[in-house]
């Protein structure tokens, strides 16, 4: 499976259907006995998105995201926490089970994303 094509930019929802964002990057670990890399986690959040931007815009975006969230690095969701991969990636637990979802991201989800048409429902 080509993980990049199958997972990047897919919507992530918790077990109750609340949108948590999109998959912005993937985290791989070294395979056993020099085998191929193994997908360990999906990364969401502004810092993962900034890493995909690269260059000066990516560094600026990373700096801004770190200041707003007070956290270094993106939100890591291990593969064990994923219940289903389809048109959306559904997690096995509610959003409260992921303490790395910071207050600024919850605030943005509540005050901005929820007001967009289709912002708080699964993709069709």
PDB file of N, CA and C in Angstrom:
ATOM      1  N   UNK A   1       0.856  -1.184   0.000  1.00  0.00           N
ATOM      2  CA  UNK A   1       0.000   0.000   0.000  1.00  0.00           C
ATOM      3  C   UNK A   1       0.894   1.237   0.000  1.00  0.00           C
ATOM      4  N   UNK A   2       0.596   2.182  -0.851  1.00  0.00           N
ATOM      5  CA  UNK A   2       1.326   3.436  -0.876  1.00  0.00           C
ATOM      6  C   UNK A   2       0.695   4.346   0.171  1.00  0.00           C
ATOM      7  N   UNK A   3       1.309   4.370   1.354  1.00  0.00           N
ATOM      8  CA  UNK A   3       0.726   5.069   2.510  1.00  0.00           C
ATOM      9  C   UNK A   3       0.483   6.541   2.226  1.00  0.00           C
ATOM     10  N   UNK A   4       1.388   7.179   1.508  1.00  0.00           N
ATOM     11  CA  UNK A   4       1.219   8.603   1.219  1.00  0.00           C
ATOM     12  C   UNK A   4      -0.047   8.868   0.430  1.00  0.00           C
ATOM     13  N   UNK A   5      -0.269   8.094  -0.620  1.00  0.00           N
ATOM     14  CA  UNK A   5      -1.472   8.291  -1.438  1.00  0.00           C
ATOM     15  C   UNK A   5      -2.742   7.898  -0.701  1.00  0.00           C
ATOM     16  N   UNK A   6      -2.656   6.867   0.140  1.00  0.00           N
ATOM     17  CA  UNK A   6      -3.836   6.367   0.828  1.00  0.00           C
ATOM     18  C   UNK A   6      -4.240   7.196   2.046  1.00  0.00           C
ATOM     19  N   UNK A   7      -3.278   7.872   2.688  1.00  0.00           N
ATOM     20  CA  UNK A   7      -3.578   8.509   3.966  1.00  0.00           C
ATOM     21  C   UNK A   7      -3.456  10.030   3.998  1.00  0.00           C
ATOM     22  N   UNK A   8      -2.485  10.598   3.301  1.00  0.00           N
ATOM     23  CA  UNK A   8      -2.290  12.046   3.411  1.00  0.00           C
ATOM     24  C   UNK A   8      -3.541  12.807   3.002  1.00  0.00           C
ATOM     25  N   UNK A   9      -3.857  13.821   3.762  1.00  0.00           N
ATOM     26  CA  UNK A   9      -5.002  14.708   3.549  1.00  0.00           C
ATOM     27  C   UNK A   9      -6.362  14.052   3.785  1.00  0.00           C
ATOM     28  N   UNK A  10      -6.391  12.884   4.396  1.00  0.00           N
ATOM     29  CA  UNK A  10      -7.663  12.269   4.791  1.00  0.00           C
ATOM     30  C   UNK A  10      -8.144  12.909   6.084  1.00  0.00           C
ATOM     31  N   UNK A  11      -9.437  13.061   6.190  1.00  0.00           N
ATOM     32  CA  UNK A  11     -10.050  13.615   7.391  1.00  0.00           C
ATOM     33  C   UNK A  11      -9.947  12.611   8.526  1.00  0.00           C
ATOM     34  N   UNK A  12      -9.617  13.069   9.728  1.00  0.00           N
ATOM     35  CA  UNK A  12      -9.549  12.223  10.922  1.00  0.00           C
ATOM     36  C   UNK A  12     -10.727  12.584  11.818  1.00  0.00           C
ATOM     37  N   UNK A  13     -11.503  11.569  12.208  1.00  0.00           N
ATOM     38  CA  UNK A  13     -12.627  11.788  13.121  1.00  0.00           C
ATOM     39  C   UNK A  13     -12.455  10.857  14.312  1.00  0.00           C
ATOM     40  N   UNK A  14     -12.949  11.305  15.458  1.00  0.00           N
ATOM     41  CA  UNK A  14     -12.876  10.438  16.644  1.00  0.00           C
ATOM     42  C   UNK A  14     -14.019   9.430  16.611  1.00  0.00           C
ATOM     43  N   UNK A  15     -14.151   8.632  17.638  1.00  0.00           N
ATOM     44  CA  UNK A  15     -15.168   7.577  17.658  1.00  0.00           C
ATOM     45  C   UNK A  15     -16.593   8.113  17.682  1.00  0.00           C
ATOM     46  N   UNK A  16     -16.758   9.384  18.055  1.00  0.00           N
ATOM     47  CA  UNK A  16     -18.095   9.985  18.076  1.00  0.00           C
ATOM     48  C   UNK A  16     -18.407  10.755  16.801  1.00  0.00           C
ATOM     49  N   UNK A  17     -17.457  10.791  15.847  1.00  0.00           N
ATOM     50  CA  UNK A  17     -17.676  11.474  14.584  1.00  0.00           C
ATOM     51  C   UNK A  17     -17.202  12.915  14.545  1.00  0.00           C
ATOM     52  N   UNK A  18     -16.560  13.394  15.604  1.00  0.00           N
ATOM     53  CA  UNK A  18     -16.065  14.774  15.643  1.00  0.00           C
ATOM     54  C   UNK A  18     -14.778  14.869  14.831  1.00  0.00           C
ATOM     55  N   UNK A  19     -14.727  15.840  13.952  1.00  0.00           N
ATOM     56  CA  UNK A  19     -13.551  16.039  13.102  1.00  0.00           C
ATOM     57  C   UNK A  19     -12.381  16.577  13.916  1.00  0.00           C
ATOM     58  N   UNK A  20     -11.210  15.961  13.744  1.00  0.00           N
ATOM     59  CA  UNK A  20     -10.010  16.385  14.461  1.00  0.00           C
ATOM     60  C   UNK A  20      -9.002  17.056  13.541  1.00  0.00           C
ATOM     61  N   UNK A  21      -9.216  17.007  12.265  1.00  0.00           N
ATOM     62  CA  UNK A  21      -8.291  17.594  11.307  1.00  0.00           C
ATOM     63  C   UNK A  21      -7.980  16.599  10.211  1.00  0.00           C
ATOM     64  N   UNK A  22      -6.955  16.919   9.439  1.00  0.00           N
ATOM     65  CA  UNK A  22      -6.536  16.053   8.348  1.00  0.00           C
ATOM     66  C   UNK A  22      -5.144  15.518   8.622  1.00  0.00           C
ATOM     67  N   UNK A  23      -4.846  14.382   8.039  1.00  0.00           N
ATOM     68  CA  UNK A  23      -3.513  13.806   8.177  1.00  0.00           C
ATOM     69  C   UNK A  23      -2.555  14.653   7.358  1.00  0.00           C
ATOM     70  N   UNK A  24      -1.576  15.232   8.046  1.00  0.00           N
ATOM     71  CA  UNK A  24      -0.635  16.127   7.392  1.00  0.00           C
ATOM     72  C   UNK A  24       0.698  15.469   7.078  1.00  0.00           C
ATOM     73  N   UNK A  25       1.055  14.408   7.774  1.00  0.00           N
ATOM     74  CA  UNK A  25       2.331  13.742   7.547  1.00  0.00           C
ATOM     75  C   UNK A  25       2.264  12.343   8.145  1.00  0.00           C
ATOM     76  N   UNK A  26       3.263  11.540   7.833  1.00  0.00           N
ATOM     77  CA  UNK A  26       3.330  10.166   8.319  1.00  0.00           C
ATOM     78  C   UNK A  26       4.652   9.959   9.045  1.00  0.00           C
ATOM     79  N   UNK A  27       4.645   9.116  10.067  1.00  0.00           N
ATOM     80  CA  UNK A  27       5.852   8.799  10.829  1.00  0.00           C
ATOM     81  C   UNK A  27       6.187   7.326  10.614  1.00  0.00           C
ATOM     82  N   UNK A  28       7.391   7.073  10.105  1.00  0.00           N
ATOM     83  CA  UNK A  28       7.846   5.712   9.851  1.00  0.00           C
ATOM     84  C   UNK A  28       8.967   5.350  10.809  1.00  0.00           C
ATOM     85  N   UNK A  29       9.077   4.062  11.132  1.00  0.00           N
ATOM     86  CA  UNK A  29      10.202   3.541  11.909  1.00  0.00           C
ATOM     87  C   UNK A  29      10.967   2.577  11.013  1.00  0.00           C
ATOM     88  N   UNK A  30      12.203   2.304  11.379  1.00  0.00           N
ATOM     89  CA  UNK A  30      13.013   1.362  10.611  1.00  0.00           C
ATOM     90  C   UNK A  30      12.423  -0.034  10.709  1.00  0.00           C
ATOM     91  N   UNK A  31      12.423  -0.738   9.594  1.00  0.00           N
ATOM     92  CA  UNK A  31      11.929  -2.104   9.583  1.00  0.00           C
ATOM     93  C   UNK A  31      12.916  -3.050  10.246  1.00  0.00           C
ATOM     94  N   UNK A  32      12.470  -4.225  10.585  1.00  0.00           N
ATOM     95  CA  UNK A  32      13.335  -5.234  11.197  1.00  0.00           C
ATOM     96  C   UNK A  32      14.317  -5.780  10.165  1.00  0.00           C
ATOM     97  N   UNK A  33      15.536  -6.055  10.608  1.00  0.00           N
ATOM     98  CA  UNK A  33      16.574  -6.651   9.762  1.00  0.00           C
ATOM     99  C   UNK A  33      16.713  -5.944   8.416  1.00  0.00           C
ATOM    100  N   UNK A  34      16.800  -4.654   8.469  1.00  0.00           N
ATOM    101  CA  UNK A  34      16.990  -3.807   7.288  1.00  0.00           C
ATOM    102  C   UNK A  34      15.879  -3.980   6.263  1.00  0.00           C
ATOM    103  N   UNK A  35      14.679  -4.273   6.742  1.00  0.00           N
ATOM    104  CA  UNK A  35      13.520  -4.370   5.870  1.00  0.00           C
ATOM    105  C   UNK A  35      13.006  -2.975   5.553  1.00  0.00           C
ATOM    106  N   UNK A  36      11.888  -2.894   4.857  1.00  0.00           N
ATOM    107  CA  UNK A  36      11.339  -1.585   4.512  1.00  0.00           C
ATOM    108  C   UNK A  36      10.849  -0.856   5.762  1.00  0.00           C
ATOM    109  N   UNK A  37      10.771   0.466   5.691  1.00  0.00           N
ATOM    110  CA  UNK A  37      10.240   1.233   6.829  1.00  0.00           C
ATOM    111  C   UNK A  37       8.802   0.811   7.137  1.00  0.00           C
ATOM    112  N   UNK A  38       8.435   0.948   8.399  1.00  0.00           N
ATOM    113  CA  UNK A  38       7.109   0.548   8.869  1.00  0.00           C
ATOM    114  C   UNK A  38       6.373   1.801   9.350  1.00  0.00           C
ATOM    115  N   UNK A  39       5.125   1.956   8.913  1.00  0.00           N
ATOM    116  CA  UNK A  39       4.311   3.085   9.350  1.00  0.00           C
ATOM    117  C   UNK A  39       3.995   2.937  10.833  1.00  0.00           C
ATOM    118  N   UNK A  40       4.370   3.934  11.631  1.00  0.00           N
ATOM    119  CA  UNK A  40       4.163   3.876  13.082  1.00  0.00           C
ATOM    120  C   UNK A  40       3.021   4.763  13.538  1.00  0.00           C
ATOM    121  N   UNK A  41       2.845   5.924  12.901  1.00  0.00           N
ATOM    122  CA  UNK A  41       1.824   6.880  13.350  1.00  0.00           C
ATOM    123  C   UNK A  41       1.482   7.832  12.217  1.00  0.00           C
ATOM    124  N   UNK A  42       0.320   8.439  12.341  1.00  0.00           N
ATOM    125  CA  UNK A  42      -0.045   9.544  11.460  1.00  0.00           C
ATOM    126  C   UNK A  42       0.111  10.832  12.268  1.00  0.00           C
ATOM    127  N   UNK A  43       0.462  11.896  11.592  1.00  0.00           N
ATOM    128  CA  UNK A  43       0.691  13.178  12.243  1.00  0.00           C
ATOM    129  C   UNK A  43      -0.351  14.177  11.773  1.00  0.00           C
ATOM    130  N   UNK A  44      -0.961  14.869  12.726  1.00  0.00           N
ATOM    131  CA  UNK A  44      -1.916  15.917  12.382  1.00  0.00           C
ATOM    132  C   UNK A  44      -1.514  17.188  13.113  1.00  0.00           C
ATOM    133  N   UNK A  45      -2.053  18.295  12.679  1.00  0.00           N
ATOM    134  CA  UNK A  45      -1.789  19.563  13.340  1.00  0.00           C
ATOM    135  C   UNK A  45      -0.950  20.487  12.474  1.00  0.00           C
ATOM    136  N   UNK A  46      -0.902  21.720  12.908  1.00  0.00           N
ATOM    137  CA  UNK A  46      -0.227  22.759  12.138  1.00  0.00           C
ATOM    138  C   UNK A  46       1.274  22.512  11.992  1.00  0.00           C
ATOM    139  N   UNK A  47       1.901  21.907  12.968  1.00  0.00           N
ATOM    140  CA  UNK A  47       3.342  21.679  12.883  1.00  0.00           C
ATOM    141  C   UNK A  47       3.668  20.588  11.863  1.00  0.00           C
ATOM    142  N   UNK A  48       2.820  19.601  11.730  1.00  0.00           N
ATOM    143  CA  UNK A  48       3.014  18.582  10.702  1.00  0.00           C
ATOM    144  C   UNK A  48       2.796  19.196   9.323  1.00  0.00           C
ATOM    145  N   UNK A  49       1.805  20.060   9.205  1.00  0.00           N
ATOM    146  CA  UNK A  49       1.550  20.746   7.942  1.00  0.00           C
ATOM    147  C   UNK A  49       2.737  21.622   7.562  1.00  0.00           C
ATOM    148  N   UNK A  50       3.312  22.315   8.533  1.00  0.00           N
ATOM    149  CA  UNK A  50       4.453  23.200   8.273  1.00  0.00           C
ATOM    150  C   UNK A  50       5.646  22.424   7.748  1.00  0.00           C
ATOM    151  N   UNK A  51       5.842  21.217   8.248  1.00  0.00           N
ATOM    152  CA  UNK A  51       6.959  20.399   7.765  1.00  0.00           C
ATOM    153  C   UNK A  51       6.788  20.054   6.293  1.00  0.00           C
ATOM    154  N   UNK A  52       5.558  19.894   5.843  1.00  0.00           N
ATOM    155  CA  UNK A  52       5.305  19.624   4.420  1.00  0.00           C
ATOM    156  C   UNK A  52       5.543  20.861   3.567  1.00  0.00           C
ATOM    157  N   UNK A  53       5.333  22.044   4.139  1.00  0.00           N
ATOM    158  CA  UNK A  53       5.578  23.272   3.385  1.00  0.00           C
ATOM    159  C   UNK A  53       7.057  23.441   3.072  1.00  0.00           C
ATOM    160  N   UNK A  54       7.888  23.254   4.104  1.00  0.00           N
ATOM    161  CA  UNK A  54       9.331  23.389   3.936  1.00  0.00           C
ATOM    162  C   UNK A  54       9.764  24.833   3.741  1.00  0.00           C
ATOM    163  N   UNK A  55      11.066  25.050   3.732  1.00  0.00           N
ATOM    164  CA  UNK A  55      11.643  26.359   3.480  1.00  0.00           C
ATOM    165  C   UNK A  55      11.244  27.406   4.502  1.00  0.00           C
ATOM    166  N   UNK A  56      11.331  28.660   4.092  1.00  0.00           N
ATOM    167  CA  UNK A  56      11.006  29.786   4.971  1.00  0.00           C
ATOM    168  C   UNK A  56       9.539  29.784   5.409  1.00  0.00           C
ATOM    169  N   UNK A  57       8.580  29.537   4.491  1.00  0.00           N
ATOM    170  CA  UNK A  57       7.181  29.490   4.952  1.00  0.00           C
ATOM    171  C   UNK A  57       6.948  28.400   5.993  1.00  0.00           C
ATOM    172  N   UNK A  58       7.593  27.243   5.824  1.00  0.00           N
ATOM    173  CA  UNK A  58       7.438  26.156   6.785  1.00  0.00           C
ATOM    174  C   UNK A  58       8.015  26.513   8.150  1.00  0.00           C
ATOM    175  N   UNK A  59       9.186  27.165   8.167  1.00  0.00           N
ATOM    176  CA  UNK A  59       9.784  27.573   9.452  1.00  0.00           C
ATOM    177  C   UNK A  59       8.923  28.622  10.134  1.00  0.00           C
ATOM    178  N   UNK A  60       8.374  29.560   9.367  1.00  0.00           N
ATOM    179  CA  UNK A  60       7.513  30.593   9.938  1.00  0.00           C
ATOM    180  C   UNK A  60       6.250  29.955  10.523  1.00  0.00           C
ATOM    181  N   UNK A  61       5.634  29.042   9.759  1.00  0.00           N
ATOM    182  CA  UNK A  61       4.412  28.381  10.204  1.00  0.00           C
ATOM    183  C   UNK A  61       4.669  27.548  11.457  1.00  0.00           C
ATOM    184  N   UNK A  62       5.816  26.845  11.496  1.00  0.00           N
ATOM    185  CA  UNK A  62       6.187  26.055  12.671  1.00  0.00           C
ATOM    186  C   UNK A  62       6.335  26.932  13.891  1.00  0.00           C
ATOM    187  N   UNK A  63       7.031  28.050  13.728  1.00  0.00           N
ATOM    188  CA  UNK A  63       7.243  28.972  14.842  1.00  0.00           C
ATOM    189  C   UNK A  63       5.917  29.498  15.384  1.00  0.00           C
ATOM    190  N   UNK A  64       5.036  29.898  14.486  1.00  0.00           N
ATOM    191  CA  UNK A  64       3.720  30.400  14.895  1.00  0.00           C
ATOM    192  C   UNK A  64       2.914  29.315  15.601  1.00  0.00           C
ATOM    193  N   UNK A  65       2.924  28.102  15.051  1.00  0.00           N
ATOM    194  CA  UNK A  65       2.161  27.002  15.653  1.00  0.00           C
ATOM    195  C   UNK A  65       2.689  26.653  17.045  1.00  0.00           C
ATOM    196  N   UNK A  66       4.012  26.679  17.221  1.00  0.00           N
ATOM    197  CA  UNK A  66       4.591  26.384  18.536  1.00  0.00           C
ATOM    198  C   UNK A  66       4.206  27.444  19.554  1.00  0.00           C
ATOM    199  N   UNK A  67       4.187  28.686  19.135  1.00  0.00           N
ATOM    200  CA  UNK A  67       3.807  29.763  20.063  1.00  0.00           C
ATOM    201  C   UNK A  67       2.345  29.656  20.464  1.00  0.00           C
ATOM    202  N   UNK A  68       1.487  29.361  19.509  1.00  0.00           N
ATOM    203  CA  UNK A  68       0.056  29.272  19.816  1.00  0.00           C
ATOM    204  C   UNK A  68      -0.288  28.048  20.653  1.00  0.00           C
ATOM    205  N   UNK A  69       0.361  26.922  20.365  1.00  0.00           N
ATOM    206  CA  UNK A  69      -0.004  25.691  21.063  1.00  0.00           C
ATOM    207  C   UNK A  69       0.818  25.447  22.318  1.00  0.00           C
ATOM    208  N   UNK A  70       2.000  26.054  22.410  1.00  0.00           N
ATOM    209  CA  UNK A  70       2.870  25.793  23.541  1.00  0.00           C
ATOM    210  C   UNK A  70       3.469  24.401  23.509  1.00  0.00           C
ATOM    211  N   UNK A  71       3.444  23.764  22.359  1.00  0.00           N
ATOM    212  CA  UNK A  71       3.905  22.392  22.210  1.00  0.00           C
ATOM    213  C   UNK A  71       4.897  22.318  21.055  1.00  0.00           C
ATOM    214  N   UNK A  72       5.932  21.523  21.240  1.00  0.00           N
ATOM    215  CA  UNK A  72       6.897  21.274  20.178  1.00  0.00           C
ATOM    216  C   UNK A  72       6.488  20.011  19.434  1.00  0.00           C
ATOM    217  N   UNK A  73       6.378  20.069  18.155  1.00  0.00           N
ATOM    218  CA  UNK A  73       6.093  18.890  17.349  1.00  0.00           C
ATOM    219  C   UNK A  73       4.617  18.676  17.094  1.00  0.00           C
ATOM    220  N   UNK A  74       4.329  17.867  16.087  1.00  0.00           N
ATOM    221  CA  UNK A  74       2.936  17.597  15.699  1.00  0.00           C
ATOM    222  C   UNK A  74       2.251  16.608  16.639  1.00  0.00           C
ATOM    223  N   UNK A  75       0.961  16.435  16.454  1.00  0.00           N
ATOM    224  CA  UNK A  75       0.169  15.468  17.211  1.00  0.00           C
ATOM    225  C   UNK A  75       0.355  14.111  16.547  1.00  0.00           C
ATOM    226  N   UNK A  76       0.820  13.130  17.321  1.00  0.00           N
ATOM    227  CA  UNK A  76       1.060  11.781  16.806  1.00  0.00           C
ATOM    228  C   UNK A  76      -0.085  10.873  17.213  1.00  0.00           C
ATOM    229  N   UNK A  77      -0.656  10.219  16.233  1.00  0.00           N
ATOM    230  CA  UNK A  77      -1.718   9.253  16.489  1.00  0.00           C
ATOM    231  C   UNK A  77      -1.192   7.892  16.044  1.00  0.00           C
ATOM    232  N   UNK A  78      -0.908   6.999  17.001  1.00  0.00           N
ATOM    233  CA  UNK A  78      -0.366   5.685  16.635  1.00  0.00           C
ATOM    234  C   UNK A  78      -1.379   4.858  15.843  1.00  0.00           C
ATOM    235  N   UNK A  79      -0.863   3.971  15.013  1.00  0.00           N
ATOM    236  CA  UNK A  79      -1.758   3.138  14.206  1.00  0.00           C
ATOM    237  C   UNK A  79      -2.702   2.311  15.068  1.00  0.00           C
ATOM    238  N   UNK A  80      -2.274   1.930  16.259  1.00  0.00           N
ATOM    239  CA  UNK A  80      -3.136   1.144  17.146  1.00  0.00           C
ATOM    240  C   UNK A  80      -4.393   1.913  17.555  1.00  0.00           C
ATOM    241  N   UNK A  81      -4.360   3.248  17.476  1.00  0.00           N
ATOM    242  CA  UNK A  81      -5.510   4.069  17.854  1.00  0.00           C
ATOM    243  C   UNK A  81      -6.504   4.244  16.710  1.00  0.00           C
ATOM    244  N   UNK A  82      -6.152   3.759  15.521  1.00  0.00           N
ATOM    245  CA  UNK A  82      -7.029   3.897  14.352  1.00  0.00           C
ATOM    246  C   UNK A  82      -7.925   2.678  14.249  1.00  0.00           C
ATOM    247  N   UNK A  83      -9.233   2.935  14.156  1.00  0.00           N
ATOM    248  CA  UNK A  83     -10.223   1.868  14.083  1.00  0.00           C
ATOM    249  C   UNK A  83     -10.510   1.477  12.640  1.00  0.00           C
ATOM    250  N   UNK A  84     -10.605   2.478  11.741  1.00  0.00           N
ATOM    251  CA  UNK A  84     -10.999   2.194  10.371  1.00  0.00           C
ATOM    252  C   UNK A  84     -10.381   3.226   9.437  1.00  0.00           C
ATOM    253  N   UNK A  85      -9.929   2.774   8.280  1.00  0.00           N
ATOM    254  CA  UNK A  85      -9.423   3.672   7.241  1.00  0.00           C
ATOM    255  C   UNK A  85     -10.320   3.503   6.030  1.00  0.00           C
ATOM    256  N   UNK A  86     -11.058   4.554   5.743  1.00  0.00           N
ATOM    257  CA  UNK A  86     -11.954   4.557   4.592  1.00  0.00           C
ATOM    258  C   UNK A  86     -11.867   5.933   3.948  1.00  0.00           C
ATOM    259  N   UNK A  87     -13.009   6.506   3.607  1.00  0.00           N
ATOM    260  CA  UNK A  87     -12.993   7.864   3.086  1.00  0.00           C
ATOM    261  C   UNK A  87     -12.540   8.840   4.169  1.00  0.00           C
ATOM    262  N   UNK A  88     -12.741   8.445   5.423  1.00  0.00           N
ATOM    263  CA  UNK A  88     -12.193   9.168   6.573  1.00  0.00           C
ATOM    264  C   UNK A  88     -11.429   8.162   7.423  1.00  0.00           C
ATOM    265  N   UNK A  89     -10.554   8.668   8.266  1.00  0.00           N
ATOM    266  CA  UNK A  89      -9.823   7.820   9.203  1.00  0.00           C
ATOM    267  C   UNK A  89     -10.518   7.962  10.546  1.00  0.00           C
ATOM    268  N   UNK A  90     -11.116   6.857  11.007  1.00  0.00           N
ATOM    269  CA  UNK A  90     -11.885   6.870  12.254  1.00  0.00           C
ATOM    270  C   UNK A  90     -11.033   6.299  13.376  1.00  0.00           C
ATOM    271  N   UNK A  91     -10.957   7.067  14.481  1.00  0.00           N
ATOM    272  CA  UNK A  91     -10.209   6.616  15.647  1.00  0.00           C
ATOM    273  C   UNK A  91     -11.089   5.743  16.532  1.00  0.00           C
ATOM    274  N   UNK A  92     -10.451   4.905  17.330  1.00  0.00           N
ATOM    275  CA  UNK A  92     -11.180   3.995  18.201  1.00  0.00           C
ATOM    276  C   UNK A  92     -11.664   4.672  19.475  1.00  0.00           C
ATOM    277  N   UNK A  93     -11.165   5.864  19.773  1.00  0.00           N
ATOM    278  CA  UNK A  93     -11.493   6.561  21.022  1.00  0.00           C
ATOM    279  C   UNK A  93     -12.021   7.965  20.732  1.00  0.00           C
ATOM    280  N   UNK A  94     -12.702   8.571  21.723  1.00  0.00           N
ATOM    281  CA  UNK A  94     -13.115   9.968  21.563  1.00  0.00           C
ATOM    282  C   UNK A  94     -11.915  10.911  21.654  1.00  0.00           C
ATOM    283  N   UNK A  95     -12.090  12.127  21.229  1.00  0.00           N
ATOM    284  CA  UNK A  95     -11.008  13.119  21.197  1.00  0.00           C
ATOM    285  C   UNK A  95     -10.384  13.354  22.571  1.00  0.00           C
ATOM    286  N   UNK A  96     -11.157  13.213  23.630  1.00  0.00           N
ATOM    287  CA  UNK A  96     -10.643  13.445  24.978  1.00  0.00           C
ATOM    288  C   UNK A  96      -9.534  12.450  25.347  1.00  0.00           C
ATOM    289  N   UNK A  97      -9.450  11.329  24.655  1.00  0.00           N
ATOM    290  CA  UNK A  97      -8.411  10.332  24.932  1.00  0.00           C
ATOM    291  C   UNK A  97      -7.049  10.756  24.392  1.00  0.00           C
ATOM    292  N   UNK A  98      -7.012  11.857  23.638  1.00  0.00           N
ATOM    293  CA  UNK A  98      -5.772  12.350  23.052  1.00  0.00           C
ATOM    294  C   UNK A  98      -5.431  13.699  23.670  1.00  0.00           C
ATOM    295  N   UNK A  99      -4.692  13.702  24.776  1.00  0.00           N
ATOM    296  CA  UNK A  99      -4.393  14.968  25.461  1.00  0.00           C
ATOM    297  C   UNK A  99      -3.540  15.908  24.630  1.00  0.00           C
ATOM    298  N   UNK A 100      -2.913  15.401  23.571  1.00  0.00           N
ATOM    299  CA  UNK A 100      -2.084  16.278  22.758  1.00  0.00           C
ATOM    300  C   UNK A 100      -2.902  17.223  21.889  1.00  0.00           C
ATOM    301  N   UNK A 101      -4.214  17.025  21.827  1.00  0.00           N
ATOM    302  CA  UNK A 101      -5.056  18.001  21.133  1.00  0.00           C
ATOM    303  C   UNK A 101      -5.149  19.226  22.036  1.00  0.00           C
ATOM    304  N   UNK A 102      -4.451  20.263  21.658  1.00  0.00           N
ATOM    305  CA  UNK A 102      -4.273  21.418  22.531  1.00  0.00           C
ATOM    306  C   UNK A 102      -5.459  22.362  22.516  1.00  0.00           C
ATOM    307  N   UNK A 103      -5.466  23.231  23.475  1.00  0.00           N
ATOM    308  CA  UNK A 103      -6.541  24.217  23.610  1.00  0.00           C
ATOM    309  C   UNK A 103      -6.707  25.075  22.358  1.00  0.00           C
ATOM    310  N   UNK A 104      -5.631  25.594  21.735  1.00  0.00           N
ATOM    311  CA  UNK A 104      -5.842  26.398  20.523  1.00  0.00           C
ATOM    312  C   UNK A 104      -6.520  25.602  19.413  1.00  0.00           C
ATOM    313  N   UNK A 105      -6.167  24.326  19.254  1.00  0.00           N
ATOM    314  CA  UNK A 105      -6.800  23.526  18.215  1.00  0.00           C
ATOM    315  C   UNK A 105      -8.271  23.266  18.534  1.00  0.00           C
ATOM    316  N   UNK A 106      -8.577  23.022  19.809  1.00  0.00           N
ATOM    317  CA  UNK A 106      -9.982  22.848  20.196  1.00  0.00           C
ATOM    318  C   UNK A 106     -10.752  24.147  19.993  1.00  0.00           C
ATOM    319  N   UNK A 107     -10.130  25.273  20.333  1.00  0.00           N
ATOM    320  CA  UNK A 107     -10.784  26.567  20.155  1.00  0.00           C
ATOM    321  C   UNK A 107     -11.071  26.806  18.673  1.00  0.00           C
ATOM    322  N   UNK A 108     -10.079  26.552  17.815  1.00  0.00           N
ATOM    323  CA  UNK A 108     -10.281  26.730  16.377  1.00  0.00           C
ATOM    324  C   UNK A 108     -11.381  25.810  15.861  1.00  0.00           C
ATOM    325  N   UNK A 109     -11.383  24.544  16.326  1.00  0.00           N
ATOM    326  CA  UNK A 109     -12.409  23.603  15.886  1.00  0.00           C
ATOM    327  C   UNK A 109     -13.787  24.096  16.293  1.00  0.00           C
ATOM    328  N   UNK A 110     -13.908  24.597  17.534  1.00  0.00           N
ATOM    329  CA  UNK A 110     -15.207  25.021  18.042  1.00  0.00           C
ATOM    330  C   UNK A 110     -15.674  26.339  17.416  1.00  0.00           C
ATOM    331  N   UNK A 111     -14.778  27.325  17.315  1.00  0.00           N
ATOM    332  CA  UNK A 111     -15.181  28.656  16.877  1.00  0.00           C
ATOM    333  C   UNK A 111     -15.079  28.899  15.370  1.00  0.00           C
ATOM    334  N   UNK A 112     -14.256  28.127  14.669  1.00  0.00           N
ATOM    335  CA  UNK A 112     -14.091  28.378  13.249  1.00  0.00           C
ATOM    336  C   UNK A 112     -14.591  27.205  12.408  1.00  0.00           C
ATOM    337  N   UNK A 113     -14.008  26.043  12.596  1.00  0.00           N
ATOM    338  CA  UNK A 113     -14.322  24.894  11.748  1.00  0.00           C
ATOM    339  C   UNK A 113     -15.783  24.490  11.875  1.00  0.00           C
ATOM    340  N   UNK A 114     -16.328  24.513  13.084  1.00  0.00           N
ATOM    341  CA  UNK A 114     -17.720  24.097  13.270  1.00  0.00           C
ATOM    342  C   UNK A 114     -18.710  25.014  12.557  1.00  0.00           C
ATOM    343  N   UNK A 115     -18.293  26.221  12.233  1.00  0.00           N
ATOM    344  CA  UNK A 115     -19.186  27.170  11.548  1.00  0.00           C
ATOM    345  C   UNK A 115     -19.123  27.051  10.031  1.00  0.00           C
ATOM    346  N   UNK A 116     -18.138  26.315   9.522  1.00  0.00           N
ATOM    347  CA  UNK A 116     -18.028  26.103   8.072  1.00  0.00           C
ATOM    348  C   UNK A 116     -19.040  25.062   7.647  1.00  0.00           C
ATOM    349  N   UNK A 117     -19.590  25.193   6.449  1.00  0.00           N
ATOM    350  CA  UNK A 117     -20.529  24.164   5.966  1.00  0.00           C
ATOM    351  C   UNK A 117     -19.840  22.810   5.933  1.00  0.00           C
ATOM    352  N   UNK A 118     -20.389  21.834   6.633  1.00  0.00           N
ATOM    353  CA  UNK A 118     -19.821  20.501   6.677  1.00  0.00           C
ATOM    354  C   UNK A 118     -18.603  20.374   7.564  1.00  0.00           C
ATOM    355  N   UNK A 119     -18.300  21.393   8.347  1.00  0.00           N
ATOM    356  CA  UNK A 119     -17.077  21.404   9.146  1.00  0.00           C
ATOM    357  C   UNK A 119     -17.043  20.410  10.287  1.00  0.00           C
ATOM    358  N   UNK A 120     -18.183  19.969  10.796  1.00  0.00           N
ATOM    359  CA  UNK A 120     -18.187  19.052  11.926  1.00  0.00           C
ATOM    360  C   UNK A 120     -18.844  17.716  11.600  1.00  0.00           C
ATOM    361  N   UNK A 121     -18.829  17.347  10.342  1.00  0.00           N
ATOM    362  CA  UNK A 121     -19.367  16.036   9.999  1.00  0.00           C
ATOM    363  C   UNK A 121     -18.348  15.305   9.136  1.00  0.00           C
ATOM    364  N   UNK A 122     -18.534  14.013   8.995  1.00  0.00           N
ATOM    365  CA  UNK A 122     -17.636  13.201   8.195  1.00  0.00           C
ATOM    366  C   UNK A 122     -17.743  13.605   6.727  1.00  0.00           C
ATOM    367  N   UNK A 123     -16.661  13.336   5.992  1.00  0.00           N
ATOM    368  CA  UNK A 123     -16.701  13.522   4.542  1.00  0.00           C
ATOM    369  C   UNK A 123     -17.596  12.452   3.936  1.00  0.00           C
ATOM    370  N   UNK A 124     -18.258  12.801   2.865  1.00  0.00           N
ATOM    371  CA  UNK A 124     -19.128  11.811   2.184  1.00  0.00           C
ATOM    372  C   UNK A 124     -18.321  10.937   1.275  1.00  0.00           C
TER     373      UNK A 124
END
